[in-house]
mmCIF file of all heavy atoms, coordinates in Angstrom:
data_MODEL
# 
_entry.id   MODEL 
# 
loop_
_atom_site.group_PDB 
_atom_site.id 
_atom_site.type_symbol 
_atom_site.label_atom_id 
_atom_site.label_alt_id 
_atom_site.label_comp_id 
_atom_site.label_asym_id 
_atom_site.label_entity_id 
_atom_site.label_seq_id 
_atom_site.pdbx_PDB_ins_code 
_atom_site.Cartn_x 
_atom_site.Cartn_y 
_atom_site.Cartn_z 
_atom_site.occupancy 
_atom_site.B_iso_or_equiv 
_atom_site.pdbx_formal_charge 
_atom_site.auth_seq_id 
_atom_site.auth_comp_id 
_atom_site.auth_asym_id 
_atom_site.auth_atom_id 
_atom_site.pdbx_PDB_model_num 
ATOM 1   N N   . PRO A 1 1  ? -5.048  -1.312  12.145  1.00 0.00 ? 1  PRO A N   1 
ATOM 2   C CA  . PRO A 1 1  ? -3.827  -0.991  11.421  1.00 0.00 ? 1  PRO A CA  1 
ATOM 3   C C   . PRO A 1 1  ? -3.677  -1.892  10.222  1.00 0.00 ? 1  PRO A C   1 
ATOM 4   O O   . PRO A 1 1  ? -4.239  -3.031  10.163  1.00 0.00 ? 1  PRO A O   1 
ATOM 5   C CB  . PRO A 1 1  ? -2.747  -1.270  12.503  1.00 0.00 ? 1  PRO A CB  1 
ATOM 6   C CG  . PRO A 1 1  ? -3.426  -1.147  13.800  1.00 0.00 ? 1  PRO A CG  1 
ATOM 7   C CD  . PRO A 1 1  ? -4.817  -1.618  13.530  1.00 0.00 ? 1  PRO A CD  1 
ATOM 8   N N   . VAL A 1 2  ? -2.994  -1.428  9.247   1.00 0.00 ? 2  VAL A N   1 
ATOM 9   C CA  . VAL A 1 2  ? -2.759  -2.139  7.997   1.00 0.00 ? 2  VAL A CA  1 
ATOM 10  C C   . VAL A 1 2  ? -1.329  -2.771  8.087   1.00 0.00 ? 2  VAL A C   1 
ATOM 11  O O   . VAL A 1 2  ? -0.315  -2.064  8.364   1.00 0.00 ? 2  VAL A O   1 
ATOM 12  C CB  . VAL A 1 2  ? -2.846  -1.238  6.770   1.00 0.00 ? 2  VAL A CB  1 
ATOM 13  C CG1 . VAL A 1 2  ? -2.632  -2.116  5.486   1.00 0.00 ? 2  VAL A CG1 1 
ATOM 14  C CG2 . VAL A 1 2  ? -4.151  -0.527  6.734   1.00 0.00 ? 2  VAL A CG2 1 
ATOM 15  N N   . HIS A 1 3  ? -1.151  -4.051  7.837   1.00 0.00 ? 3  HIS A N   1 
ATOM 16  C CA  . HIS A 1 3  ? 0.042   -4.774  7.882   1.00 0.00 ? 3  HIS A CA  1 
ATOM 17  C C   . HIS A 1 3  ? 0.576   -4.730  6.426   1.00 0.00 ? 3  HIS A C   1 
ATOM 18  O O   . HIS A 1 3  ? 0.237   -5.657  5.606   1.00 0.00 ? 3  HIS A O   1 
ATOM 19  C CB  . HIS A 1 3  ? -0.123  -6.151  8.390   1.00 0.00 ? 3  HIS A CB  1 
ATOM 20  C CG  . HIS A 1 3  ? 1.171   -6.926  8.357   1.00 0.00 ? 3  HIS A CG  1 
ATOM 21  N ND1 . HIS A 1 3  ? 1.166   -8.327  8.675   1.00 0.00 ? 3  HIS A ND1 1 
ATOM 22  C CD2 . HIS A 1 3  ? 2.445   -6.648  8.107   1.00 0.00 ? 3  HIS A CD2 1 
ATOM 23  C CE1 . HIS A 1 3  ? 2.377   -8.778  8.646   1.00 0.00 ? 3  HIS A CE1 1 
ATOM 24  N NE2 . HIS A 1 3  ? 3.208   -7.806  8.263   1.00 0.00 ? 3  HIS A NE2 1 
ATOM 25  N N   . VAL A 1 4  ? 1.438   -3.812  6.081   1.00 0.00 ? 4  VAL A N   1 
ATOM 26  C CA  . VAL A 1 4  ? 1.940   -3.669  4.730   1.00 0.00 ? 4  VAL A CA  1 
ATOM 27  C C   . VAL A 1 4  ? 3.182   -4.419  4.467   1.00 0.00 ? 4  VAL A C   1 
ATOM 28  O O   . VAL A 1 4  ? 4.149   -4.470  5.288   1.00 0.00 ? 4  VAL A O   1 
ATOM 29  C CB  . VAL A 1 4  ? 2.228   -2.156  4.470   1.00 0.00 ? 4  VAL A CB  1 
ATOM 30  C CG1 . VAL A 1 4  ? 2.851   -1.934  3.116   1.00 0.00 ? 4  VAL A CG1 1 
ATOM 31  C CG2 . VAL A 1 4  ? 0.978   -1.298  4.583   1.00 0.00 ? 4  VAL A CG2 1 
ATOM 32  N N   . VAL A 1 5  ? 3.109   -5.250  3.329   1.00 0.00 ? 5  VAL A N   1 
ATOM 33  C CA  . VAL A 1 5  ? 4.302   -6.100  2.937   1.00 0.00 ? 5  VAL A CA  1 
ATOM 34  C C   . VAL A 1 5  ? 4.872   -5.715  1.622   1.00 0.00 ? 5  VAL A C   1 
ATOM 35  O O   . VAL A 1 5  ? 5.961   -6.156  1.286   1.00 0.00 ? 5  VAL A O   1 
ATOM 36  C CB  . VAL A 1 5  ? 3.973   -7.562  3.072   1.00 0.00 ? 5  VAL A CB  1 
ATOM 37  C CG1 . VAL A 1 5  ? 3.526   -7.938  4.493   1.00 0.00 ? 5  VAL A CG1 1 
ATOM 38  C CG2 . VAL A 1 5  ? 2.847   -7.858  2.025   1.00 0.00 ? 5  VAL A CG2 1 
ATOM 39  N N   . ARG A 1 6  ? 4.113   -4.956  0.789   1.00 0.00 ? 6  ARG A N   1 
ATOM 40  C CA  . ARG A 1 6  ? 4.589   -4.703  -0.598  1.00 0.00 ? 6  ARG A CA  1 
ATOM 41  C C   . ARG A 1 6  ? 3.892   -3.476  -1.097  1.00 0.00 ? 6  ARG A C   1 
ATOM 42  O O   . ARG A 1 6  ? 2.816   -3.159  -0.703  1.00 0.00 ? 6  ARG A O   1 
ATOM 43  C CB  . ARG A 1 6  ? 4.304   -5.911  -1.448  1.00 0.00 ? 6  ARG A CB  1 
ATOM 44  C CG  . ARG A 1 6  ? 4.810   -5.871  -2.856  1.00 0.00 ? 6  ARG A CG  1 
ATOM 45  C CD  . ARG A 1 6  ? 4.663   -7.137  -3.604  1.00 0.00 ? 6  ARG A CD  1 
ATOM 46  N NE  . ARG A 1 6  ? 3.265   -7.487  -3.948  1.00 0.00 ? 6  ARG A NE  1 
ATOM 47  C CZ  . ARG A 1 6  ? 2.601   -7.059  -5.034  1.00 0.00 ? 6  ARG A CZ  1 
ATOM 48  N NH1 . ARG A 1 6  ? 3.231   -6.312  -5.925  1.00 0.00 ? 6  ARG A NH1 1 
ATOM 49  N NH2 . ARG A 1 6  ? 1.386   -7.447  -5.231  1.00 0.00 ? 6  ARG A NH2 1 
ATOM 50  N N   . GLY A 1 7  ? 4.524   -2.788  -1.997  1.00 0.00 ? 7  GLY A N   1 
ATOM 51  C CA  . GLY A 1 7  ? 3.907   -1.673  -2.779  1.00 0.00 ? 7  GLY A CA  1 
ATOM 52  C C   . GLY A 1 7  ? 4.290   -1.672  -4.191  1.00 0.00 ? 7  GLY A C   1 
ATOM 53  O O   . GLY A 1 7  ? 5.465   -2.050  -4.578  1.00 0.00 ? 7  GLY A O   1 
ATOM 54  N N   . GLU A 1 8  ? 3.376   -1.209  -4.922  1.00 0.00 ? 8  GLU A N   1 
ATOM 55  C CA  . GLU A 1 8  ? 3.639   -1.067  -6.399  1.00 0.00 ? 8  GLU A CA  1 
ATOM 56  C C   . GLU A 1 8  ? 2.744   -0.022  -6.987  1.00 0.00 ? 8  GLU A C   1 
ATOM 57  O O   . GLU A 1 8  ? 1.526   -0.081  -6.853  1.00 0.00 ? 8  GLU A O   1 
ATOM 58  C CB  . GLU A 1 8  ? 3.345   -2.382  -7.122  1.00 0.00 ? 8  GLU A CB  1 
ATOM 59  C CG  . GLU A 1 8  ? 3.687   -2.278  -8.577  1.00 0.00 ? 8  GLU A CG  1 
ATOM 60  C CD  . GLU A 1 8  ? 3.438   -3.659  -9.319  1.00 0.00 ? 8  GLU A CD  1 
ATOM 61  O OE1 . GLU A 1 8  ? 3.184   -4.659  -8.702  1.00 0.00 ? 8  GLU A OE1 1 
ATOM 62  O OE2 . GLU A 1 8  ? 3.539   -3.655  -10.526 1.00 0.00 ? 8  GLU A OE2 1 
ATOM 63  N N   . GLY A 1 9  ? 3.355   1.032   -7.537  1.00 0.00 ? 9  GLY A N   1 
ATOM 64  C CA  . GLY A 1 9  ? 2.587   2.131   -8.097  1.00 0.00 ? 9  GLY A CA  1 
ATOM 65  C C   . GLY A 1 9  ? 1.704   2.765   -7.069  1.00 0.00 ? 9  GLY A C   1 
ATOM 66  O O   . GLY A 1 9  ? 2.221   3.238   -6.011  1.00 0.00 ? 9  GLY A O   1 
ATOM 67  N N   . VAL A 1 10 ? 0.438   2.916   -7.345  1.00 0.00 ? 10 VAL A N   1 
ATOM 68  C CA  . VAL A 1 10 ? -0.488  3.635   -6.377  1.00 0.00 ? 10 VAL A CA  1 
ATOM 69  C C   . VAL A 1 10 ? -1.092  2.640   -5.311  1.00 0.00 ? 10 VAL A C   1 
ATOM 70  O O   . VAL A 1 10 ? -1.859  3.126   -4.507  1.00 0.00 ? 10 VAL A O   1 
ATOM 71  C CB  . VAL A 1 10 ? -1.627  4.380   -7.156  1.00 0.00 ? 10 VAL A CB  1 
ATOM 72  C CG1 . VAL A 1 10 ? -1.077  5.363   -8.102  1.00 0.00 ? 10 VAL A CG1 1 
ATOM 73  C CG2 . VAL A 1 10 ? -2.541  3.301   -7.913  1.00 0.00 ? 10 VAL A CG2 1 
ATOM 74  N N   . PHE A 1 11 ? -0.557  1.496   -5.366  1.00 0.00 ? 11 PHE A N   1 
ATOM 75  C CA  . PHE A 1 11 ? -1.162  0.467   -4.346  1.00 0.00 ? 11 PHE A CA  1 
ATOM 76  C C   . PHE A 1 11 ? -0.135  -0.001  -3.335  1.00 0.00 ? 11 PHE A C   1 
ATOM 77  O O   . PHE A 1 11 ? 1.000   -0.169  -3.649  1.00 0.00 ? 11 PHE A O   1 
ATOM 78  C CB  . PHE A 1 11 ? -1.748  -0.734  -5.163  1.00 0.00 ? 11 PHE A CB  1 
ATOM 79  C CG  . PHE A 1 11 ? -2.932  -0.359  -6.034  1.00 0.00 ? 11 PHE A CG  1 
ATOM 80  C CD1 . PHE A 1 11 ? -2.752  -0.129  -7.355  1.00 0.00 ? 11 PHE A CD1 1 
ATOM 81  C CD2 . PHE A 1 11 ? -4.194  -0.234  -5.461  1.00 0.00 ? 11 PHE A CD2 1 
ATOM 82  C CE1 . PHE A 1 11 ? -3.815  0.179   -8.206  1.00 0.00 ? 11 PHE A CE1 1 
ATOM 83  C CE2 . PHE A 1 11 ? -5.303  0.031   -6.273  1.00 0.00 ? 11 PHE A CE2 1 
ATOM 84  C CZ  . PHE A 1 11 ? -5.128  0.269   -7.581  1.00 0.00 ? 11 PHE A CZ  1 
ATOM 85  N N   . LEU A 1 12 ? -0.662  -0.282  -2.196  1.00 0.00 ? 12 LEU A N   1 
ATOM 86  C CA  . LEU A 1 12 ? 0.032   -0.987  -1.115  1.00 0.00 ? 12 LEU A CA  1 
ATOM 87  C C   . LEU A 1 12 ? -0.689  -2.364  -0.882  1.00 0.00 ? 12 LEU A C   1 
ATOM 88  O O   . LEU A 1 12 ? -1.960  -2.397  -1.161  1.00 0.00 ? 12 LEU A O   1 
ATOM 89  C CB  . LEU A 1 12 ? -0.004  -0.253  0.196   1.00 0.00 ? 12 LEU A CB  1 
ATOM 90  C CG  . LEU A 1 12 ? 0.945   1.001   0.226   1.00 0.00 ? 12 LEU A CG  1 
ATOM 91  C CD1 . LEU A 1 12 ? 0.716   1.833   1.536   1.00 0.00 ? 12 LEU A CD1 1 
ATOM 92  C CD2 . LEU A 1 12 ? 2.359   0.553   0.180   1.00 0.00 ? 12 LEU A CD2 1 
ATOM 93  N N   . TYR A 1 13 ? -0.002  -3.366  -0.534  1.00 0.00 ? 13 TYR A N   1 
ATOM 94  C CA  . TYR A 1 13 ? -0.570  -4.702  -0.307  1.00 0.00 ? 13 TYR A CA  1 
ATOM 95  C C   . TYR A 1 13 ? -0.353  -5.209  1.040   1.00 0.00 ? 13 TYR A C   1 
ATOM 96  O O   . TYR A 1 13 ? 0.798   -5.014  1.616   1.00 0.00 ? 13 TYR A O   1 
ATOM 97  C CB  . TYR A 1 13 ? 0.045   -5.673  -1.328  1.00 0.00 ? 13 TYR A CB  1 
ATOM 98  C CG  . TYR A 1 13 ? -0.298  -5.270  -2.766  1.00 0.00 ? 13 TYR A CG  1 
ATOM 99  C CD1 . TYR A 1 13 ? 0.474   -4.361  -3.422  1.00 0.00 ? 13 TYR A CD1 1 
ATOM 100 C CD2 . TYR A 1 13 ? -1.501  -5.804  -3.461  1.00 0.00 ? 13 TYR A CD2 1 
ATOM 101 C CE1 . TYR A 1 13 ? 0.156   -3.964  -4.777  1.00 0.00 ? 13 TYR A CE1 1 
ATOM 102 C CE2 . TYR A 1 13 ? -1.732  -5.454  -4.709  1.00 0.00 ? 13 TYR A CE2 1 
ATOM 103 C CZ  . TYR A 1 13 ? -0.955  -4.485  -5.411  1.00 0.00 ? 13 TYR A CZ  1 
ATOM 104 O OH  . TYR A 1 13 ? -1.219  -4.142  -6.722  1.00 0.00 ? 13 TYR A OH  1 
ATOM 105 N N   . ASP A 1 14 ? -1.319  -5.791  1.632   1.00 0.00 ? 14 ASP A N   1 
ATOM 106 C CA  . ASP A 1 14 ? -1.210  -6.300  3.029   1.00 0.00 ? 14 ASP A CA  1 
ATOM 107 C C   . ASP A 1 14 ? -0.716  -7.779  3.052   1.00 0.00 ? 14 ASP A C   1 
ATOM 108 O O   . ASP A 1 14 ? -0.511  -8.348  1.936   1.00 0.00 ? 14 ASP A O   1 
ATOM 109 C CB  . ASP A 1 14 ? -2.485  -6.072  3.867   1.00 0.00 ? 14 ASP A CB  1 
ATOM 110 C CG  . ASP A 1 14 ? -3.673  -7.017  3.436   1.00 0.00 ? 14 ASP A CG  1 
ATOM 111 O OD1 . ASP A 1 14 ? -3.422  -7.907  2.689   1.00 0.00 ? 14 ASP A OD1 1 
ATOM 112 O OD2 . ASP A 1 14 ? -4.759  -6.686  3.967   1.00 0.00 ? 14 ASP A OD2 1 
ATOM 113 N N   . ALA A 1 15 ? -0.596  -8.341  4.206   1.00 0.00 ? 15 ALA A N   1 
ATOM 114 C CA  . ALA A 1 15 ? 0.036   -9.657  4.335   1.00 0.00 ? 15 ALA A CA  1 
ATOM 115 C C   . ALA A 1 15 ? -0.857  -10.731 3.627   1.00 0.00 ? 15 ALA A C   1 
ATOM 116 O O   . ALA A 1 15 ? -0.430  -11.816 3.337   1.00 0.00 ? 15 ALA A O   1 
ATOM 117 C CB  . ALA A 1 15 ? 0.236   -10.044 5.760   1.00 0.00 ? 15 ALA A CB  1 
ATOM 118 N N   . ASP A 1 16 ? -2.192  -10.414 3.461   1.00 0.00 ? 16 ASP A N   1 
ATOM 119 C CA  . ASP A 1 16 ? -3.075  -11.325 2.834   1.00 0.00 ? 16 ASP A CA  1 
ATOM 120 C C   . ASP A 1 16 ? -3.218  -11.081 1.334   1.00 0.00 ? 16 ASP A C   1 
ATOM 121 O O   . ASP A 1 16 ? -4.012  -11.747 0.643   1.00 0.00 ? 16 ASP A O   1 
ATOM 122 C CB  . ASP A 1 16 ? -4.525  -11.239 3.464   1.00 0.00 ? 16 ASP A CB  1 
ATOM 123 C CG  . ASP A 1 16 ? -4.530  -11.654 4.932   1.00 0.00 ? 16 ASP A CG  1 
ATOM 124 O OD1 . ASP A 1 16 ? -3.764  -12.646 5.291   1.00 0.00 ? 16 ASP A OD1 1 
ATOM 125 O OD2 . ASP A 1 16 ? -5.152  -11.013 5.785   1.00 0.00 ? 16 ASP A OD2 1 
ATOM 126 N N   . GLY A 1 17 ? -2.426  -10.142 0.772   1.00 0.00 ? 17 GLY A N   1 
ATOM 127 C CA  . GLY A 1 17 ? -2.447  -9.864  -0.638  1.00 0.00 ? 17 GLY A CA  1 
ATOM 128 C C   . GLY A 1 17 ? -3.516  -8.858  -1.008  1.00 0.00 ? 17 GLY A C   1 
ATOM 129 O O   . GLY A 1 17 ? -3.702  -8.542  -2.249  1.00 0.00 ? 17 GLY A O   1 
ATOM 130 N N   . ARG A 1 18 ? -4.271  -8.250  -0.098  1.00 0.00 ? 18 ARG A N   1 
ATOM 131 C CA  . ARG A 1 18 ? -5.267  -7.278  -0.390  1.00 0.00 ? 18 ARG A CA  1 
ATOM 132 C C   . ARG A 1 18 ? -4.599  -5.989  -0.862  1.00 0.00 ? 18 ARG A C   1 
ATOM 133 O O   . ARG A 1 18 ? -3.674  -5.472  -0.208  1.00 0.00 ? 18 ARG A O   1 
ATOM 134 C CB  . ARG A 1 18 ? -6.187  -7.060  0.795   1.00 0.00 ? 18 ARG A CB  1 
ATOM 135 C CG  . ARG A 1 18 ? -7.318  -6.059  0.428   1.00 0.00 ? 18 ARG A CG  1 
ATOM 136 C CD  . ARG A 1 18 ? -8.223  -5.682  1.594   1.00 0.00 ? 18 ARG A CD  1 
ATOM 137 N NE  . ARG A 1 18 ? -9.275  -4.838  1.130   1.00 0.00 ? 18 ARG A NE  1 
ATOM 138 C CZ  . ARG A 1 18 ? -10.117 -4.207  1.893   1.00 0.00 ? 18 ARG A CZ  1 
ATOM 139 N NH1 . ARG A 1 18 ? -9.924  -4.209  3.244   1.00 0.00 ? 18 ARG A NH1 1 
ATOM 140 N NH2 . ARG A 1 18 ? -11.038 -3.472  1.429   1.00 0.00 ? 18 ARG A NH2 1 
ATOM 141 N N   . ALA A 1 19 ? -5.089  -5.407  -1.960  1.00 0.00 ? 19 ALA A N   1 
ATOM 142 C CA  . ALA A 1 19 ? -4.603  -4.120  -2.446  1.00 0.00 ? 19 ALA A CA  1 
ATOM 143 C C   . ALA A 1 19 ? -5.346  -2.953  -1.773  1.00 0.00 ? 19 ALA A C   1 
ATOM 144 O O   . ALA A 1 19 ? -6.566  -2.933  -1.615  1.00 0.00 ? 19 ALA A O   1 
ATOM 145 C CB  . ALA A 1 19 ? -4.756  -4.042  -3.926  1.00 0.00 ? 19 ALA A CB  1 
ATOM 146 N N   . TYR A 1 20 ? -4.585  -1.923  -1.492  1.00 0.00 ? 20 TYR A N   1 
ATOM 147 C CA  . TYR A 1 20 ? -5.135  -0.687  -0.930  1.00 0.00 ? 20 TYR A CA  1 
ATOM 148 C C   . TYR A 1 20 ? -4.711  0.470   -1.851  1.00 0.00 ? 20 TYR A C   1 
ATOM 149 O O   . TYR A 1 20 ? -3.499  0.686   -2.093  1.00 0.00 ? 20 TYR A O   1 
ATOM 150 C CB  . TYR A 1 20 ? -4.659  -0.335  0.473   1.00 0.00 ? 20 TYR A CB  1 
ATOM 151 C CG  . TYR A 1 20 ? -5.098  -1.322  1.506   1.00 0.00 ? 20 TYR A CG  1 
ATOM 152 C CD1 . TYR A 1 20 ? -4.425  -2.589  1.690   1.00 0.00 ? 20 TYR A CD1 1 
ATOM 153 C CD2 . TYR A 1 20 ? -6.202  -1.076  2.336   1.00 0.00 ? 20 TYR A CD2 1 
ATOM 154 C CE1 . TYR A 1 20 ? -4.887  -3.518  2.592   1.00 0.00 ? 20 TYR A CE1 1 
ATOM 155 C CE2 . TYR A 1 20 ? -6.640  -1.968  3.300   1.00 0.00 ? 20 TYR A CE2 1 
ATOM 156 C CZ  . TYR A 1 20 ? -5.996  -3.183  3.426   1.00 0.00 ? 20 TYR A CZ  1 
ATOM 157 O OH  . TYR A 1 20 ? -6.432  -4.077  4.307   1.00 0.00 ? 20 TYR A OH  1 
ATOM 158 N N   . LEU A 1 21 ? -5.636  1.295   -2.303  1.00 0.00 ? 21 LEU A N   1 
ATOM 159 C CA  . LEU A 1 21 ? -5.293  2.470   -3.138  1.00 0.00 ? 21 LEU A CA  1 
ATOM 160 C C   . LEU A 1 21 ? -4.620  3.460   -2.143  1.00 0.00 ? 21 LEU A C   1 
ATOM 161 O O   . LEU A 1 21 ? -5.376  3.912   -1.238  1.00 0.00 ? 21 LEU A O   1 
ATOM 162 C CB  . LEU A 1 21 ? -6.555  3.034   -3.740  1.00 0.00 ? 21 LEU A CB  1 
ATOM 163 C CG  . LEU A 1 21 ? -6.325  4.314   -4.598  1.00 0.00 ? 21 LEU A CG  1 
ATOM 164 C CD1 . LEU A 1 21 ? -5.454  3.981   -5.878  1.00 0.00 ? 21 LEU A CD1 1 
ATOM 165 C CD2 . LEU A 1 21 ? -7.698  4.872   -5.049  1.00 0.00 ? 21 LEU A CD2 1 
ATOM 166 N N   . ASP A 1 22 ? -3.402  3.828   -2.334  1.00 0.00 ? 22 ASP A N   1 
ATOM 167 C CA  . ASP A 1 22 ? -2.784  4.705   -1.425  1.00 0.00 ? 22 ASP A CA  1 
ATOM 168 C C   . ASP A 1 22 ? -2.860  6.156   -1.914  1.00 0.00 ? 22 ASP A C   1 
ATOM 169 O O   . ASP A 1 22 ? -2.219  6.605   -2.784  1.00 0.00 ? 22 ASP A O   1 
ATOM 170 C CB  . ASP A 1 22 ? -1.225  4.389   -1.323  1.00 0.00 ? 22 ASP A CB  1 
ATOM 171 C CG  . ASP A 1 22 ? -0.523  5.132   -0.238  1.00 0.00 ? 22 ASP A CG  1 
ATOM 172 O OD1 . ASP A 1 22 ? -1.120  6.056   0.356   1.00 0.00 ? 22 ASP A OD1 1 
ATOM 173 O OD2 . ASP A 1 22 ? 0.659   4.916   -0.040  1.00 0.00 ? 22 ASP A OD2 1 
ATOM 174 N N   . ALA A 1 23 ? -3.822  6.826   -1.326  1.00 0.00 ? 23 ALA A N   1 
ATOM 175 C CA  . ALA A 1 23 ? -4.052  8.219   -1.611  1.00 0.00 ? 23 ALA A CA  1 
ATOM 176 C C   . ALA A 1 23 ? -3.620  9.116   -0.525  1.00 0.00 ? 23 ALA A C   1 
ATOM 177 O O   . ALA A 1 23 ? -4.156  10.267  -0.368  1.00 0.00 ? 23 ALA A O   1 
ATOM 178 C CB  . ALA A 1 23 ? -5.542  8.448   -1.913  1.00 0.00 ? 23 ALA A CB  1 
ATOM 179 N N   . TYR A 1 24 ? -2.603  8.766   0.282   1.00 0.00 ? 24 TYR A N   1 
ATOM 180 C CA  . TYR A 1 24 ? -2.133  9.561   1.388   1.00 0.00 ? 24 TYR A CA  1 
ATOM 181 C C   . TYR A 1 24 ? -0.633  9.753   1.388   1.00 0.00 ? 24 TYR A C   1 
ATOM 182 O O   . TYR A 1 24 ? -0.113  10.753  1.789   1.00 0.00 ? 24 TYR A O   1 
ATOM 183 C CB  . TYR A 1 24 ? -2.691  8.954   2.706   1.00 0.00 ? 24 TYR A CB  1 
ATOM 184 C CG  . TYR A 1 24 ? -2.223  9.707   3.916   1.00 0.00 ? 24 TYR A CG  1 
ATOM 185 C CD1 . TYR A 1 24 ? -2.623  11.089  4.010   1.00 0.00 ? 24 TYR A CD1 1 
ATOM 186 C CD2 . TYR A 1 24 ? -1.288  9.256   4.827   1.00 0.00 ? 24 TYR A CD2 1 
ATOM 187 C CE1 . TYR A 1 24 ? -2.208  11.831  5.159   1.00 0.00 ? 24 TYR A CE1 1 
ATOM 188 C CE2 . TYR A 1 24 ? -0.927  9.939   5.888   1.00 0.00 ? 24 TYR A CE2 1 
ATOM 189 C CZ  . TYR A 1 24 ? -1.286  11.265  6.040   1.00 0.00 ? 24 TYR A CZ  1 
ATOM 190 O OH  . TYR A 1 24 ? -0.847  11.944  7.110   1.00 0.00 ? 24 TYR A OH  1 
ATOM 191 N N   . ASN A 1 25 ? 0.115   8.707   1.042   1.00 0.00 ? 25 ASN A N   1 
ATOM 192 C CA  . ASN A 1 25 ? 1.520   8.623   1.283   1.00 0.00 ? 25 ASN A CA  1 
ATOM 193 C C   . ASN A 1 25 ? 2.333   9.441   0.234   1.00 0.00 ? 25 ASN A C   1 
ATOM 194 O O   . ASN A 1 25 ? 2.700   8.971   -0.813  1.00 0.00 ? 25 ASN A O   1 
ATOM 195 C CB  . ASN A 1 25 ? 2.007   7.262   1.319   1.00 0.00 ? 25 ASN A CB  1 
ATOM 196 C CG  . ASN A 1 25 ? 3.439   7.041   1.715   1.00 0.00 ? 25 ASN A CG  1 
ATOM 197 O OD1 . ASN A 1 25 ? 4.168   8.076   1.871   1.00 0.00 ? 25 ASN A OD1 1 
ATOM 198 N ND2 . ASN A 1 25 ? 3.911   5.879   1.875   1.00 0.00 ? 25 ASN A ND2 1 
ATOM 199 N N   . ASN A 1 26 ? 2.610   10.780  0.597   1.00 0.00 ? 26 ASN A N   1 
ATOM 200 C CA  . ASN A 1 26 ? 3.290   11.582  -0.475  1.00 0.00 ? 26 ASN A CA  1 
ATOM 201 C C   . ASN A 1 26 ? 4.757   11.357  -0.417  1.00 0.00 ? 26 ASN A C   1 
ATOM 202 O O   . ASN A 1 26 ? 5.506   11.862  -1.251  1.00 0.00 ? 26 ASN A O   1 
ATOM 203 C CB  . ASN A 1 26 ? 3.035   13.086  -0.130  1.00 0.00 ? 26 ASN A CB  1 
ATOM 204 C CG  . ASN A 1 26 ? 3.816   13.556  1.055   1.00 0.00 ? 26 ASN A CG  1 
ATOM 205 O OD1 . ASN A 1 26 ? 3.723   12.905  2.194   1.00 0.00 ? 26 ASN A OD1 1 
ATOM 206 N ND2 . ASN A 1 26 ? 4.479   14.653  0.985   1.00 0.00 ? 26 ASN A ND2 1 
ATOM 207 N N   . VAL A 1 27 ? 5.243   10.534  0.542   1.00 0.00 ? 27 VAL A N   1 
ATOM 208 C CA  . VAL A 1 27 ? 6.687   10.160  0.459   1.00 0.00 ? 27 VAL A CA  1 
ATOM 209 C C   . VAL A 1 27 ? 7.041   9.419   -0.856  1.00 0.00 ? 27 VAL A C   1 
ATOM 210 O O   . VAL A 1 27 ? 8.007   9.843   -1.484  1.00 0.00 ? 27 VAL A O   1 
ATOM 211 C CB  . VAL A 1 27 ? 7.001   9.226   1.685   1.00 0.00 ? 27 VAL A CB  1 
ATOM 212 C CG1 . VAL A 1 27 ? 8.500   8.806   1.673   1.00 0.00 ? 27 VAL A CG1 1 
ATOM 213 C CG2 . VAL A 1 27 ? 6.780   9.983   2.998   1.00 0.00 ? 27 VAL A CG2 1 
ATOM 214 N N   . ALA A 1 28 ? 6.314   8.441   -1.241  1.00 0.00 ? 28 ALA A N   1 
ATOM 215 C CA  . ALA A 1 28 ? 6.512   7.763   -2.497  1.00 0.00 ? 28 ALA A CA  1 
ATOM 216 C C   . ALA A 1 28 ? 5.791   8.612   -3.598  1.00 0.00 ? 28 ALA A C   1 
ATOM 217 O O   . ALA A 1 28 ? 4.787   8.205   -4.129  1.00 0.00 ? 28 ALA A O   1 
ATOM 218 C CB  . ALA A 1 28 ? 5.896   6.368   -2.441  1.00 0.00 ? 28 ALA A CB  1 
ATOM 219 N N   . SER A 1 29 ? 6.368   9.730   -3.898  1.00 0.00 ? 29 SER A N   1 
ATOM 220 C CA  . SER A 1 29 ? 5.723   10.722  -4.728  1.00 0.00 ? 29 SER A CA  1 
ATOM 221 C C   . SER A 1 29 ? 5.498   10.192  -6.122  1.00 0.00 ? 29 SER A C   1 
ATOM 222 O O   . SER A 1 29 ? 4.535   10.624  -6.809  1.00 0.00 ? 29 SER A O   1 
ATOM 223 C CB  . SER A 1 29 ? 6.538   11.996  -4.846  1.00 0.00 ? 29 SER A CB  1 
ATOM 224 O OG  . SER A 1 29 ? 7.898   11.739  -5.327  1.00 0.00 ? 29 SER A OG  1 
# 
């Protein structure tokens, strides 16, 4: 699982500050 703590634009960030390209979450359209 991903521990998400922040989001900005097309990226989500985990607790260690790693960026994930979010290509799935259509809620944040």
